[in-house]
Amino acid sequence: QVQLVESGGGLVQAGGSLTLTCVASKRTFSGDPMAWYRQAPGKQRELVASITDDFSAIYSKPVAGRFTISRDNAKNTIYLQMNNLKVEDTAVYYCHLNPFWGQGTQVTVSS
């Protein structure tokens, strides 16, 4: 069993920034691809960004150019730097290490 603990969510005005953090309990972390997903009210959960063990990253179109995913294998941690936040970024953000999910952290962007 792997535990994923997210933090860093909150309320921010449009145009602002937040950094999400996910710490994994798994002892062997460096070989696993990791990802951030989000789920807005009434919508399906969607991929935001993912990063492989060799630090190759992909982003969904709505966040490309504004969000940056990174990882620190020594700390079993991944990050999501979110800049120029928009109201439509409001969602619960989840960390994912297949097949495990974190509990989610709420991000609310006000206009």
Protein backbone atom coordinates (compact mmCIF):
# COMPACT_ATOMS: atom_id res chain seq x y z
CA GLN A 1 0.00 0.00 0.00
CA VAL A 2 1.26 3.47 -0.92
CA GLN A 3 0.07 6.63 0.75
CA LEU A 4 0.05 9.90 -1.17
CA VAL A 5 -0.40 13.10 0.78
CA GLU A 6 -1.12 16.33 -1.07
CA SER A 7 -0.82 19.83 0.32
CA GLY A 8 -0.64 23.40 -0.87
CA GLY A 9 -4.16 24.03 -2.08
CA GLY A 10 -6.10 27.10 -1.12
CA LEU A 11 -7.95 30.18 -2.28
CA VAL A 12 -6.21 32.51 -4.71
CA GLN A 13 -7.25 35.31 -6.99
CA ALA A 14 -7.14 34.90 -10.75
CA GLY A 15 -3.65 35.55 -12.03
CA GLY A 16 -2.10 34.28 -8.82
CA SER A 17 0.10 31.27 -8.14
CA LEU A 18 0.08 28.17 -5.97
CA THR A 19 2.42 25.23 -5.56
CA LEU A 20 1.02 21.80 -4.76
CA THR A 21 3.12 19.12 -3.09
CA CYS A 22 2.61 15.36 -2.99
CA VAL A 23 4.67 13.13 -0.74
CA ALA A 24 4.64 9.39 -1.39
CA SER A 25 5.22 6.80 1.28
CA LYS A 26 6.65 4.30 -1.17
CA ARG A 27 10.25 3.53 -0.44
CA THR A 28 11.17 2.99 -4.08
CA PHE A 29 9.93 6.12 -5.78
CA SER A 30 12.42 7.06 -8.45
CA GLY A 31 11.31 4.50 -11.05
CA ASP A 32 7.64 5.40 -11.09
CA PRO A 33 5.84 7.87 -13.31
CA MET A 34 3.70 10.27 -11.31
CA ALA A 35 0.84 12.54 -12.22
CA TRP A 36 -1.52 15.27 -11.10
CA TYR A 37 -5.21 15.06 -11.91
CA ARG A 38 -8.05 17.39 -11.09
CA GLN A 39 -11.80 17.15 -10.76
CA ALA A 40 -14.10 20.13 -10.90
CA PRO A 41 -17.68 19.96 -9.58
CA GLY A 42 -19.91 18.05 -11.97
CA LYS A 43 -17.01 17.07 -14.21
CA GLN A 44 -14.90 13.98 -14.72
CA ARG A 45 -11.44 13.70 -13.27
CA GLU A 46 -8.87 14.79 -15.83
CA LEU A 47 -5.14 14.56 -16.25
CA VAL A 48 -3.30 17.81 -15.57
CA ALA A 49 0.34 16.78 -15.91
CA SER A 50 2.56 13.75 -15.60
CA ILE A 51 6.27 13.17 -15.16
CA THR A 52 8.36 10.08 -15.81
CA ASP A 53 11.28 8.81 -13.80
CA ASP A 54 13.67 10.53 -16.22
CA PHE A 55 11.84 13.85 -15.67
CA SER A 56 10.02 13.92 -19.00
CA ALA A 57 6.77 15.84 -18.52
CA ILE A 58 3.52 16.22 -20.42
CA TYR A 59 0.70 18.70 -19.82
CA SER A 60 -2.93 18.98 -20.73
CA LYS A 61 -3.75 21.76 -23.16
CA PRO A 62 -5.61 23.95 -20.64
CA VAL A 63 -2.55 24.21 -18.36
CA ALA A 64 0.38 24.01 -20.79
CA GLY A 65 2.60 27.04 -20.43
CA ARG A 66 1.18 27.93 -17.00
CA PHE A 67 1.80 24.83 -14.86
CA THR A 68 5.07 23.01 -14.20
CA ILE A 69 5.37 19.52 -12.77
CA SER A 70 8.59 18.45 -11.09
CA ARG A 71 9.86 15.73 -8.80
CA ASP A 72 12.48 15.20 -6.12
CA ASN A 73 13.20 11.50 -5.92
CA ALA A 74 15.33 11.87 -2.81
CA LYS A 75 12.28 13.26 -0.99
CA ASN A 76 9.67 10.98 -2.62
CA THR A 77 7.92 14.19 -3.63
CA ILE A 78 6.35 15.71 -6.70
CA TYR A 79 5.26 19.31 -7.16
CA LEU A 80 2.88 21.25 -9.32
CA GLN A 81 3.74 24.90 -9.75
CA MET A 82 0.64 26.71 -10.97
CA ASN A 83 1.00 30.22 -12.36
CA ASN A 84 -1.47 32.63 -13.90
CA LEU A 85 -4.34 30.72 -12.36
CA LYS A 86 -7.77 31.04 -13.90
CA VAL A 87 -11.23 30.59 -12.44
CA GLU A 88 -11.60 27.45 -14.54
CA ASP A 89 -8.65 25.90 -12.70
CA THR A 90 -10.86 25.58 -9.63
CA ALA A 91 -10.99 21.89 -8.71
CA VAL A 92 -9.81 19.25 -6.31
CA TYR A 93 -6.29 18.26 -7.34
CA TYR A 94 -5.16 14.67 -6.87
CA CYS A 95 -1.75 13.06 -6.88
CA HIS A 96 -1.56 9.71 -8.68
CA LEU A 97 0.95 6.89 -8.51
CA ASN A 98 -0.69 4.02 -10.32
CA PRO A 99 -2.92 2.56 -8.94
CA PHE A 100 -2.95 4.79 -5.86
CA TRP A 101 -4.57 8.21 -5.30
CA GLY A 102 -4.09 10.88 -2.73
CA GLN A 103 -6.99 12.39 -0.81
CA GLY A 104 -6.96 15.55 -2.89
CA THR A 105 -6.38 19.21 -2.15
CA GLN A 106 -8.85 21.95 -3.02
CA VAL A 107 -7.78 24.80 -5.28
CA THR A 108 -10.22 27.67 -5.61
CA VAL A 109 -9.53 30.58 -7.94
CA SER A 110 -11.67 33.67 -7.51
CA SER A 111 -12.30 36.31 -10.15
